[in-house]
PDB file of N, CA and C in Angstrom:
ATOM      1  N   MET A   1       0.770  -0.852  -0.438  1.00  0.00           N
ATOM      2  CA  MET A   1      -0.061  -0.082  -0.184  1.00  0.00           C
ATOM      3  C   MET A   1       0.991   0.897  -0.332  1.00  0.00           C
ATOM      4  N   GLN A   2       0.472   2.193  -0.999  1.00  0.00           N
ATOM      5  CA  GLN A   2       1.477   3.007  -0.758  1.00  0.00           C
ATOM      6  C   GLN A   2       1.179   4.202   0.047  1.00  0.00           C
ATOM      7  N   GLY A   3       1.982   4.964   0.859  1.00  0.00           N
ATOM      8  CA  GLY A   3       2.278   5.575   1.648  1.00  0.00           C
ATOM      9  C   GLY A   3       1.700   4.938   3.226  1.00  0.00           C
ATOM     10  N   ALA A   4       1.756   3.208   3.734  1.00  0.00           N
ATOM     11  CA  ALA A   4       1.803   2.988   4.963  1.00  0.00           C
ATOM     12  C   ALA A   4       2.309   3.265   5.987  1.00  0.00           C
ATOM     13  N   GLY A   5       2.199   4.213   6.741  1.00  0.00           N
ATOM     14  CA  GLY A   5       2.703   4.179   7.823  1.00  0.00           C
ATOM     15  C   GLY A   5       3.079   3.999   9.159  1.00  0.00           C
ATOM     16  N   PRO A   6       3.860   4.133  10.341  1.00  0.00           N
ATOM     17  CA  PRO A   6       3.887   3.669  11.120  1.00  0.00           C
ATOM     18  C   PRO A   6       2.904   2.103  11.050  1.00  0.00           C
ATOM     19  N   PRO A   7       1.578   2.516  12.189  1.00  0.00           N
ATOM     20  CA  PRO A   7       0.671   2.038  12.437  1.00  0.00           C
ATOM     21  C   PRO A   7       0.977   0.341  11.591  1.00  0.00           C
ATOM     22  N   PHE A   8       0.861   0.290  10.493  1.00  0.00           N
ATOM     23  CA  PHE A   8       1.186  -0.637   9.987  1.00  0.00           C
ATOM     24  C   PHE A   8       1.872  -1.791   9.782  1.00  0.00           C
ATOM     25  N   ASN A   9       3.225  -0.831  10.091  1.00  0.00           N
ATOM     26  CA  ASN A   9       4.800  -1.531  10.782  1.00  0.00           C
ATOM     27  C   ASN A   9       5.198  -2.418  12.201  1.00  0.00           C
ATOM     28  N   LYS A  10       3.933  -1.804  13.151  1.00  0.00           N
ATOM     29  CA  LYS A  10       3.829  -2.373  14.224  1.00  0.00           C
ATOM     30  C   LYS A  10       3.127  -3.644  14.209  1.00  0.00           C
ATOM     31  N   ASP A  11       3.748  -4.463  15.751  1.00  0.00           N
ATOM     32  CA  ASP A  11       3.180  -5.425  15.962  1.00  0.00           C
ATOM     33  C   ASP A  11       1.840  -5.420  16.892  1.00  0.00           C
ATOM     34  N   PRO A  12       1.168  -6.160  16.414  1.00  0.00           N
ATOM     35  CA  PRO A  12      -0.290  -6.418  15.895  1.00  0.00           C
ATOM     36  C   PRO A  12      -0.805  -5.613  18.067  1.00  0.00           C
ATOM     37  N   LEU A  13       0.072  -6.924  18.411  1.00  0.00           N
ATOM     38  CA  LEU A  13      -0.146  -7.345  19.885  1.00  0.00           C
ATOM     39  C   LEU A  13       0.154  -5.465  20.316  1.00  0.00           C
ATOM     40  N   GLU A  14       0.561  -4.504  19.934  1.00  0.00           N
ATOM     41  CA  GLU A  14       1.337  -3.452  20.621  1.00  0.00           C
ATOM     42  C   GLU A  14       0.917  -1.900  20.211  1.00  0.00           C
ATOM     43  N   LEU A  15      -0.864  -2.439  19.408  1.00  0.00           N
ATOM     44  CA  LEU A  15      -1.033  -2.026  18.848  1.00  0.00           C
ATOM     45  C   LEU A  15      -2.479  -0.771  19.353  1.00  0.00           C
ATOM     46  N   ALA A  16      -2.624   0.443  19.609  1.00  0.00           N
ATOM     47  CA  ALA A  16      -3.057   1.047  20.724  1.00  0.00           C
ATOM     48  C   ALA A  16      -4.075   1.794  20.019  1.00  0.00           C
ATOM     49  N   VAL A  17      -5.328   2.229  20.519  1.00  0.00           N
ATOM     50  CA  VAL A  17      -6.359   2.767  20.181  1.00  0.00           C
ATOM     51  C   VAL A  17      -6.044   4.170  18.689  1.00  0.00           C
ATOM     52  N   GLU A  18      -5.067   4.873  19.385  1.00  0.00           N
ATOM     53  CA  GLU A  18      -4.546   5.824  18.468  1.00  0.00           C
ATOM     54  C   GLU A  18      -4.291   5.562  16.774  1.00  0.00           C
ATOM     55  N   ASP A  19      -3.357   4.175  17.221  1.00  0.00           N
ATOM     56  CA  ASP A  19      -2.581   3.402  16.015  1.00  0.00           C
ATOM     57  C   ASP A  19      -4.078   3.229  15.078  1.00  0.00           C
ATOM     58  N   VAL A  20      -4.760   2.742  15.799  1.00  0.00           N
ATOM     59  CA  VAL A  20      -6.102   2.586  14.752  1.00  0.00           C
ATOM     60  C   VAL A  20      -7.225   3.520  14.139  1.00  0.00           C
ATOM     61  N   TYR A  21      -6.845   4.500  14.888  1.00  0.00           N
ATOM     62  CA  TYR A  21      -7.423   5.915  13.966  1.00  0.00           C
ATOM     63  C   TYR A  21      -6.811   6.492  12.783  1.00  0.00           C
ATOM     64  N   ASP A  22      -5.041   5.721  13.344  1.00  0.00           N
ATOM     65  CA  ASP A  22      -4.482   6.192  12.296  1.00  0.00           C
ATOM     66  C   ASP A  22      -4.448   5.245  11.022  1.00  0.00           C
ATOM     67  N   ILE A  23      -4.471   4.157  11.152  1.00  0.00           N
ATOM     68  CA  ILE A  23      -4.710   3.350  10.094  1.00  0.00           C
ATOM     69  C   ILE A  23      -6.086   3.722   9.556  1.00  0.00           C
ATOM     70  N   SER A  24      -7.157   3.683  10.220  1.00  0.00           N
ATOM     71  CA  SER A  24      -8.494   4.509   9.906  1.00  0.00           C
ATOM     72  C   SER A  24      -8.595   5.954   8.844  1.00  0.00           C
ATOM     73  N   HIS A  25      -7.623   7.080   9.343  1.00  0.00           N
ATOM     74  CA  HIS A  25      -7.330   7.914   8.596  1.00  0.00           C
ATOM     75  C   HIS A  25      -6.226   7.671   7.174  1.00  0.00           C
ATOM     76  N   GLN A  26      -5.391   6.487   7.332  1.00  0.00           N
ATOM     77  CA  GLN A  26      -4.674   6.009   6.634  1.00  0.00           C
ATOM     78  C   GLN A  26      -5.337   5.560   5.054  1.00  0.00           C
ATOM     79  N   LEU A  27      -6.340   4.913   5.427  1.00  0.00           N
ATOM     80  CA  LEU A  27      -7.741   3.862   4.228  1.00  0.00           C
ATOM     81  C   LEU A  27      -8.153   5.299   4.081  1.00  0.00           C
ATOM     82  N   GLY A  28      -9.008   6.020   4.831  1.00  0.00           N
ATOM     83  CA  GLY A  28      -9.831   6.573   4.001  1.00  0.00           C
ATOM     84  C   GLY A  28      -9.108   7.516   2.811  1.00  0.00           C
ATOM     85  N   CYS A  29      -8.076   7.977   2.855  1.00  0.00           N
ATOM     86  CA  CYS A  29      -7.202   8.771   2.100  1.00  0.00           C
ATOM     87  C   CYS A  29      -7.135   8.382   1.009  1.00  0.00           C
ATOM     88  N   GLN A  30      -6.399   6.865   1.002  1.00  0.00           N
ATOM     89  CA  GLN A  30      -6.612   6.016  -0.332  1.00  0.00           C
ATOM     90  C   GLN A  30      -8.085   6.092  -0.760  1.00  0.00           C
ATOM     91  N   PHE A  31      -9.168   5.519  -0.022  1.00  0.00           N
ATOM     92  CA  PHE A  31     -10.401   5.481  -0.682  1.00  0.00           C
ATOM     93  C   PHE A  31     -10.551   6.802  -1.114  1.00  0.00           C
ATOM     94  N   ARG A  32     -10.122   7.971  -0.622  1.00  0.00           N
ATOM     95  CA  ARG A  32     -10.768   9.686  -1.431  1.00  0.00           C
ATOM     96  C   ARG A  32      -9.774   9.109  -3.454  1.00  0.00           C
ATOM     97  N   GLU A  33      -8.747   8.513  -2.989  1.00  0.00           N
ATOM     98  CA  GLU A  33      -8.189   8.638  -3.922  1.00  0.00           C
ATOM     99  C   GLU A  33      -8.855   7.578  -5.707  1.00  0.00           C
ATOM    100  N   VAL A  34      -9.400   6.425  -4.706  1.00  0.00           N
ATOM    101  CA  VAL A  34      -9.715   5.549  -5.370  1.00  0.00           C
ATOM    102  C   VAL A  34     -10.943   6.451  -5.861  1.00  0.00           C
ATOM    103  N   ASN A  35     -12.309   6.006  -5.133  1.00  0.00           N
ATOM    104  CA  ASN A  35     -13.189   7.194  -4.948  1.00  0.00           C
ATOM    105  C   ASN A  35     -13.534   7.954  -6.666  1.00  0.00           C
ATOM    106  N   SER A  36     -12.652   8.780  -6.645  1.00  0.00           N
ATOM    107  CA  SER A  36     -12.328  10.358  -7.241  1.00  0.00           C
ATOM    108  C   SER A  36     -12.045   9.714  -8.841  1.00  0.00           C
ATOM    109  N   SER A  37     -10.683   8.356  -8.917  1.00  0.00           N
ATOM    110  CA  SER A  37     -10.905   8.149 -10.196  1.00  0.00           C
ATOM    111  C   SER A  37     -11.241   6.932 -10.820  1.00  0.00           C
ATOM    112  N   GLN A  38     -12.274   6.491 -10.053  1.00  0.00           N
ATOM    113  CA  GLN A  38     -13.328   5.410 -10.125  1.00  0.00           C
ATOM    114  C   GLN A  38     -14.483   5.285  -9.231  1.00  0.00           C
ATOM    115  N   SER A  39     -15.795   5.130 -10.034  1.00  0.00           N
ATOM    116  CA  SER A  39     -17.045   5.352  -9.604  1.00  0.00           C
ATOM    117  C   SER A  39     -17.839   4.149  -9.305  1.00  0.00           C
ATOM    118  N   SER A  40     -17.081   2.994  -8.567  1.00  0.00           N
ATOM    119  CA  SER A  40     -17.731   1.638  -8.659  1.00  0.00           C
ATOM    120  C   SER A  40     -18.117   1.528  -6.827  1.00  0.00           C
ATOM    121  N   THR A  41     -19.367   0.847  -7.555  1.00  0.00           N
ATOM    122  CA  THR A  41     -20.055   0.352  -6.263  1.00  0.00           C
ATOM    123  C   THR A  41     -19.496  -0.426  -5.497  1.00  0.00           C
ATOM    124  N   ALA A  42     -18.637  -0.955  -6.138  1.00  0.00           N
ATOM    125  CA  ALA A  42     -17.783  -2.294  -5.185  1.00  0.00           C
ATOM    126  C   ALA A  42     -17.206  -1.384  -4.416  1.00  0.00           C
ATOM    127  N   VAL A  43     -16.006  -0.589  -4.841  1.00  0.00           N
ATOM    128  CA  VAL A  43     -15.167   0.056  -3.971  1.00  0.00           C
ATOM    129  C   VAL A  43     -16.161   0.487  -2.785  1.00  0.00           C
ATOM    130  N   PHE A  44     -16.878   1.383  -2.968  1.00  0.00           N
ATOM    131  CA  PHE A  44     -17.951   1.769  -2.050  1.00  0.00           C
ATOM    132  C   PHE A  44     -18.235   0.664  -0.943  1.00  0.00           C
ATOM    133  N   GLU A  45     -18.630  -0.405  -1.343  1.00  0.00           N
ATOM    134  CA  GLU A  45     -18.944  -1.327  -0.188  1.00  0.00           C
ATOM    135  C   GLU A  45     -17.918  -1.881   0.279  1.00  0.00           C
ATOM    136  N   LEU A  46     -17.008  -1.994  -0.603  1.00  0.00           N
ATOM    137  CA  LEU A  46     -15.717  -2.250   0.238  1.00  0.00           C
ATOM    138  C   LEU A  46     -15.314  -1.738   1.453  1.00  0.00           C
ATOM    139  N   GLN A  47     -15.625  -0.035   1.199  1.00  0.00           N
ATOM    140  CA  GLN A  47     -14.924   1.141   1.962  1.00  0.00           C
ATOM    141  C   GLN A  47     -15.720   0.453   2.985  1.00  0.00           C
ATOM    142  N   PHE A  48     -16.961   0.362   3.742  1.00  0.00           N
ATOM    143  CA  PHE A  48     -17.922   0.515   4.361  1.00  0.00           C
ATOM    144  C   PHE A  48     -17.446  -1.154   5.322  1.00  0.00           C
ATOM    145  N   GLN A  49     -17.182  -2.082   4.760  1.00  0.00           N
ATOM    146  CA  GLN A  49     -16.479  -3.387   5.589  1.00  0.00           C
ATOM    147  C   GLN A  49     -15.278  -2.543   5.896  1.00  0.00           C
ATOM    148  N   ILE A  50     -14.787  -2.143   5.538  1.00  0.00           N
ATOM    149  CA  ILE A  50     -13.154  -1.726   5.854  1.00  0.00           C
ATOM    150  C   ILE A  50     -13.624  -0.693   7.170  1.00  0.00           C
ATOM    151  N   VAL A  51     -14.567   0.053   7.408  1.00  0.00           N
ATOM    152  CA  VAL A  51     -14.917   1.003   8.185  1.00  0.00           C
ATOM    153  C   VAL A  51     -15.547  -0.291   9.465  1.00  0.00           C
ATOM    154  N   ARG A  52     -16.183  -1.236   8.970  1.00  0.00           N
ATOM    155  CA  ARG A  52     -16.424  -2.127  10.156  1.00  0.00           C
ATOM    156  C   ARG A  52     -15.444  -2.922  10.597  1.00  0.00           C
ATOM    157  N   VAL A  53     -14.532  -3.387   9.859  1.00  0.00           N
ATOM    158  CA  VAL A  53     -13.364  -4.404  10.675  1.00  0.00           C
ATOM    159  C   VAL A  53     -12.428  -3.193  11.047  1.00  0.00           C
ATOM    160  N   LEU A  54     -11.753  -2.168  11.691  1.00  0.00           N
ATOM    161  CA  LEU A  54     -11.484  -1.228  11.822  1.00  0.00           C
ATOM    162  C   LEU A  54     -12.373  -0.830  13.184  1.00  0.00           C
ATOM    163  N   GLU A  55     -13.761  -0.540  13.237  1.00  0.00           N
ATOM    164  CA  GLU A  55     -14.357  -0.567  14.605  1.00  0.00           C
ATOM    165  C   GLU A  55     -14.141  -2.040  15.163  1.00  0.00           C
ATOM    166  N   MET A  56     -14.201  -3.145  15.170  1.00  0.00           N
ATOM    167  CA  MET A  56     -13.956  -4.180  15.329  1.00  0.00           C
ATOM    168  C   MET A  56     -12.348  -3.919  16.234  1.00  0.00           C
ATOM    169  N   PHE A  57     -11.628  -3.670  15.207  1.00  0.00           N
ATOM    170  CA  PHE A  57     -10.171  -3.947  15.928  1.00  0.00           C
ATOM    171  C   PHE A  57      -9.811  -2.333  16.876  1.00  0.00           C
ATOM    172  N   GLU A  58     -10.641  -1.429  16.760  1.00  0.00           N
ATOM    173  CA  GLU A  58     -10.736  -0.675  17.451  1.00  0.00           C
ATOM    174  C   GLU A  58     -11.296  -1.368  19.319  1.00  0.00           C
ATOM    175  N   THR A  59     -12.597  -1.509  19.280  1.00  0.00           N
ATOM    176  CA  THR A  59     -13.088  -2.426  20.174  1.00  0.00           C
ATOM    177  C   THR A  59     -11.912  -3.413  20.566  1.00  0.00           C
ATOM    178  N   LEU A  60     -11.337  -4.503  19.872  1.00  0.00           N
ATOM    179  CA  LEU A  60     -10.416  -5.623  21.177  1.00  0.00           C
ATOM    180  C   LEU A  60      -9.294  -4.245  21.291  1.00  0.00           C
ATOM    181  N   VAL A  61      -8.507  -3.644  20.599  1.00  0.00           N
ATOM    182  CA  VAL A  61      -7.507  -2.931  20.854  1.00  0.00           C
ATOM    183  C   VAL A  61      -7.647  -2.051  22.759  1.00  0.00           C
ATOM    184  N   SER A  62      -9.065  -1.523  22.313  1.00  0.00           N
ATOM    185  CA  SER A  62      -9.721  -0.781  23.844  1.00  0.00           C
ATOM    186  C   SER A  62      -9.242  -2.041  25.050  1.00  0.00           C
ATOM    187  N   GLN A  63     -10.145  -3.131  24.796  1.00  0.00           N
ATOM    188  CA  GLN A  63     -10.272  -4.044  25.559  1.00  0.00           C
ATOM    189  C   GLN A  63      -8.878  -4.576  26.394  1.00  0.00           C
ATOM    190  N   SER A  64      -8.385  -4.727  25.325  1.00  0.00           N
ATOM    191  CA  SER A  64      -7.081  -5.523  25.822  1.00  0.00           C
ATOM    192  C   SER A  64      -5.775  -4.249  26.590  1.00  0.00           C
ATOM    193  N   SER A  65      -5.769  -2.995  26.182  1.00  0.00           N
ATOM    194  CA  SER A  65      -5.353  -1.715  26.685  1.00  0.00           C
ATOM    195  C   SER A  65      -6.011  -1.975  28.377  1.00  0.00           C
ATOM    196  N   VAL A  66      -7.448  -2.005  28.514  1.00  0.00           N
ATOM    197  CA  VAL A  66      -7.875  -1.682  30.286  1.00  0.00           C
ATOM    198  C   VAL A  66      -7.626  -3.717  30.692  1.00  0.00           C
ATOM    199  N   THR A  67      -7.413  -4.553  29.738  1.00  0.00           N
ATOM    200  CA  THR A  67      -7.141  -5.775  30.587  1.00  0.00           C
ATOM    201  C   THR A  67      -5.699  -5.614  31.181  1.00  0.00           C
ATOM    202  N   LEU A  68      -4.638  -4.805  29.721  1.00  0.00           N
ATOM    203  CA  LEU A  68      -3.452  -4.673  30.398  1.00  0.00           C
ATOM    204  C   LEU A  68      -3.308  -4.101  31.421  1.00  0.00           C
ATOM    205  N   GLU A  69      -3.851  -2.851  31.679  1.00  0.00           N
ATOM    206  CA  GLU A  69      -3.305  -1.725  32.868  1.00  0.00           C
ATOM    207  C   GLU A  69      -4.410  -2.395  33.963  1.00  0.00           C
ATOM    208  N   GLU A  70      -5.747  -3.092  34.108  1.00  0.00           N
ATOM    209  CA  GLU A  70      -5.716  -3.935  34.826  1.00  0.00           C
ATOM    210  C   GLU A  70      -4.968  -4.867  35.721  1.00  0.00           C
ATOM    211  N   LEU A  71      -4.139  -5.873  35.330  1.00  0.00           N
ATOM    212  CA  LEU A  71      -2.643  -6.114  34.864  1.00  0.00           C
ATOM    213  C   LEU A  71      -2.085  -5.795  35.275  1.00  0.00           C
ATOM    214  N   ARG A  72      -1.723  -4.716  35.345  1.00  0.00           N
ATOM    215  CA  ARG A  72      -0.458  -3.829  36.139  1.00  0.00           C
ATOM    216  C   ARG A  72      -0.813  -3.257  37.067  1.00  0.00           C
ATOM    217  N   LEU A  73      -1.642  -2.678  37.613  1.00  0.00           N
ATOM    218  CA  LEU A  73      -2.663  -2.087  38.970  1.00  0.00           C
ATOM    219  C   LEU A  73      -2.683  -3.486  39.676  1.00  0.00           C
ATOM    220  N   GLU A  74      -2.923  -4.455  39.560  1.00  0.00           N
ATOM    221  CA  GLU A  74      -2.680  -5.482  40.225  1.00  0.00           C
ATOM    222  C   GLU A  74      -1.381  -6.244  40.463  1.00  0.00           C
ATOM    223  N   ARG A  75      -0.560  -6.505  39.692  1.00  0.00           N
ATOM    224  CA  ARG A  75       1.116  -6.727  39.587  1.00  0.00           C
ATOM    225  C   ARG A  75       1.118  -5.378  40.946  1.00  0.00           C
ATOM    226  N   ASP A  76       1.133  -4.467  40.792  1.00  0.00           N
ATOM    227  CA  ASP A  76       1.843  -3.246  41.240  1.00  0.00           C
ATOM    228  C   ASP A  76       1.080  -3.430  43.148  1.00  0.00           C
ATOM    229  N   GLY A  77       0.199  -3.905  43.229  1.00  0.00           N
ATOM    230  CA  GLY A  77      -1.333  -4.099  44.140  1.00  0.00           C
ATOM    231  C   GLY A  77       0.185  -5.090  44.980  1.00  0.00           C
ATOM    232  N   LEU A  78      -0.059  -6.297  44.160  1.00  0.00           N
ATOM    233  CA  LEU A  78       0.721  -7.926  45.278  1.00  0.00           C
ATOM    234  C   LEU A  78       1.999  -7.456  45.229  1.00  0.00           C
ATOM    235  N   LYS A  79       2.471  -6.505  44.465  1.00  0.00           N
ATOM    236  CA  LYS A  79       4.144  -6.000  44.630  1.00  0.00           C
ATOM    237  C   LYS A  79       4.186  -5.554  45.987  1.00  0.00           C
ATOM    238  N   ALA A  80       2.882  -4.234  46.577  1.00  0.00           N
ATOM    239  CA  ALA A  80       3.189  -3.550  47.515  1.00  0.00           C
ATOM    240  C   ALA A  80       3.035  -4.829  49.130  1.00  0.00           C
ATOM    241  N   GLU A  81       2.448  -5.530  48.986  1.00  0.00           N
ATOM    242  CA  GLU A  81       1.751  -6.238  49.294  1.00  0.00           C
ATOM    243  C   GLU A  81       3.260  -7.109  50.325  1.00  0.00           C
ATOM    244  N   ALA A  82       3.693  -7.795  49.445  1.00  0.00           N
ATOM    245  CA  ALA A  82       4.289  -8.886  49.226  1.00  0.00           C
ATOM    246  C   ALA A  82       6.101  -7.855  49.933  1.00  0.00           C
ATOM    247  N   GLU A  83       5.950  -6.515  49.698  1.00  0.00           N
ATOM    248  CA  GLU A  83       6.943  -5.739  50.279  1.00  0.00           C
ATOM    249  C   GLU A  83       7.095  -5.224  51.909  1.00  0.00           C
ATOM    250  N   THR A  84       5.055  -5.314  52.159  1.00  0.00           N
ATOM    251  CA  THR A  84       4.702  -5.298  53.162  1.00  0.00           C
ATOM    252  C   THR A  84       5.375  -6.772  54.249  1.00  0.00           C
ATOM    253  N   LEU A  85       4.843  -7.246  54.085  1.00  0.00           N
ATOM    254  CA  LEU A  85       4.585  -8.619  54.447  1.00  0.00           C
ATOM    255  C   LEU A  85       6.386  -8.809  54.638  1.00  0.00           C
ATOM    256  N   ILE A  86       7.326  -8.577  53.294  1.00  0.00           N
ATOM    257  CA  ILE A  86       8.482  -9.235  53.659  1.00  0.00           C
ATOM    258  C   ILE A  86       8.965  -8.110  55.078  1.00  0.00           C
ATOM    259  N   GLY A  87       8.344  -6.704  54.773  1.00  0.00           N
ATOM    260  CA  GLY A  87       9.089  -5.915  56.311  1.00  0.00           C
ATOM    261  C   GLY A  87       8.068  -6.063  57.722  1.00  0.00           C
ATOM    262  N   GLU A  88       7.147  -7.094  57.565  1.00  0.00           N
ATOM    263  CA  GLU A  88       6.996  -7.441  58.663  1.00  0.00           C
ATOM    264  C   GLU A  88       7.575  -8.483  59.422  1.00  0.00           C
ATOM    265  N   LEU A  89       8.376  -9.545  58.258  1.00  0.00           N
ATOM    266  CA  LEU A  89       8.827 -10.605  58.476  1.00  0.00           C
ATOM    267  C   LEU A  89      10.085 -10.267  59.320  1.00  0.00           C
ATOM    268  N   ARG A  90      10.490  -9.330  58.358  1.00  0.00           N
ATOM    269  CA  ARG A  90      11.958  -9.058  58.951  1.00  0.00           C
ATOM    270  C   ARG A  90      11.621  -8.307  60.193  1.00  0.00           C
ATOM    271  N   SER A  91      11.283  -7.787  60.233  1.00  0.00           N
ATOM    272  CA  SER A  91      10.672  -6.830  61.758  1.00  0.00           C
ATOM    273  C   SER A  91      10.401  -8.055  63.053  1.00  0.00           C
ATOM    274  N   LYS A  92      10.362  -8.874  62.945  1.00  0.00           N
ATOM    275  CA  LYS A  92       9.790 -10.477  63.843  1.00  0.00           C
ATOM    276  C   LYS A  92      10.752 -10.820  63.974  1.00  0.00           C
ATOM    277  N   ALA A  93      12.040 -11.007  63.007  1.00  0.00           N
ATOM    278  CA  ALA A  93      12.881 -12.043  63.118  1.00  0.00           C
ATOM    279  C   ALA A  93      13.855 -11.316  64.044  1.00  0.00           C
ATOM    280  N   THR A  94      14.346 -12.118  64.711  1.00  0.00           N
ATOM    281  CA  THR A  94      15.281 -11.505  65.535  1.00  0.00           C
ATOM    282  C   THR A  94      16.662 -11.558  65.148  1.00  0.00           C
ATOM    283  N   ASP A  95      17.828 -10.310  65.600  1.00  0.00           N
ATOM    284  CA  ASP A  95      19.250 -10.589  65.568  1.00  0.00           C
ATOM    285  C   ASP A  95      19.902 -11.451  66.087  1.00  0.00           C
ATOM    286  N   PRO A  96      20.553 -12.419  65.851  1.00  0.00           N
ATOM    287  CA  PRO A  96      21.222 -13.314  66.393  1.00  0.00           C
ATOM    288  C   PRO A  96      21.989 -13.184  67.240  1.00  0.00           C
ATOM    289  N   VAL A  97      23.153 -11.980  67.141  1.00  0.00           N
ATOM    290  CA  VAL A  97      23.887 -11.366  67.842  1.00  0.00           C
ATOM    291  C   VAL A  97      22.914 -10.865  69.504  1.00  0.00           C
ATOM    292  N   GLN A  98      21.568 -10.130  69.474  1.00  0.00           N
ATOM    293  CA  GLN A  98      20.786  -9.534  70.089  1.00  0.00           C
ATOM    294  C   GLN A  98      20.519 -11.318  71.011  1.00  0.00           C
ATOM    295  N   GLU A  99      19.896 -11.739  70.386  1.00  0.00           N
ATOM    296  CA  GLU A  99      19.537 -13.338  70.864  1.00  0.00           C
ATOM    297  C   GLU A  99      20.547 -13.727  72.129  1.00  0.00           C
ATOM    298  N   VAL A 100      22.017 -14.005  71.207  1.00  0.00           N
ATOM    299  CA  VAL A 100      22.730 -13.962  72.037  1.00  0.00           C
ATOM    300  C   VAL A 100      23.289 -13.166  73.775  1.00  0.00           C
ATOM    301  N   GLY A 101      22.856 -12.033  73.397  1.00  0.00           N
ATOM    302  CA  GLY A 101      23.164 -11.273  74.249  1.00  0.00           C
ATOM    303  C   GLY A 101      22.003 -11.228  75.099  1.00  0.00           C
ATOM    304  N   ARG A 102      20.561 -12.064  74.865  1.00  0.00           N
ATOM    305  CA  ARG A 102      19.730 -11.671  76.109  1.00  0.00           C
ATOM    306  C   ARG A 102      19.841 -12.910  76.441  1.00  0.00           C
ATOM    307  N   ASP A 103      20.190 -14.131  76.088  1.00  0.00           N
ATOM    308  CA  ASP A 103      20.564 -15.197  76.717  1.00  0.00           C
ATOM    309  C   ASP A 103      20.990 -15.513  78.332  1.00  0.00           C
ATOM    310  N   VAL A 104      22.419 -14.897  77.944  1.00  0.00           N
ATOM    311  CA  VAL A 104      23.552 -14.383  78.444  1.00  0.00           C
ATOM    312  C   VAL A 104      23.049 -13.467  79.312  1.00  0.00           C
ATOM    313  N   SER A 105      22.470 -12.382  79.420  1.00  0.00           N
ATOM    314  CA  SER A 105      21.685 -11.442  80.899  1.00  0.00           C
ATOM    315  C   SER A 105      20.882 -12.517  81.384  1.00  0.00           C
ATOM    316  N   HIS A 106      20.537 -13.309  80.849  1.00  0.00           N
ATOM    317  CA  HIS A 106      18.977 -13.853  80.875  1.00  0.00           C
ATOM    318  C   HIS A 106      19.565 -15.341  81.987  1.00  0.00           C
ATOM    319  N   ASN A 107      20.974 -15.640  81.678  1.00  0.00           N
ATOM    320  CA  ASN A 107      21.419 -16.478  82.705  1.00  0.00           C
ATOM    321  C   ASN A 107      21.814 -15.876  83.739  1.00  0.00           C
ATOM    322  N   LYS A 108      22.389 -14.846  83.997  1.00  0.00           N
ATOM    323  CA  LYS A 108      23.203 -14.543  85.053  1.00  0.00           C
ATOM    324  C   LYS A 108      22.004 -14.426  85.927  1.00  0.00           C
TER     325      LYS A 108
END
């Protein structure tokens, strides 16, 4: 495709909603060129099918972005919880040197 830009070069799993909009714009420009040079009903119908596919892509990308953000938030929450638990365990753990000192003073 002539003039295909960066969104067409991205890995599909890395696409964002903005990329779908960019693809939409680029395809729209291409269709304007085709429509001005040919007046075909088939081209006109194809244009609406492609618009529908782009709407589906937009929905999928939006949902995957939300899911990814939810996973990041959950990961951050679990990381904070783990750090808190580790801190609590460390504060409960006794220093062996202090323990020996207590034993010595306790046995006197």
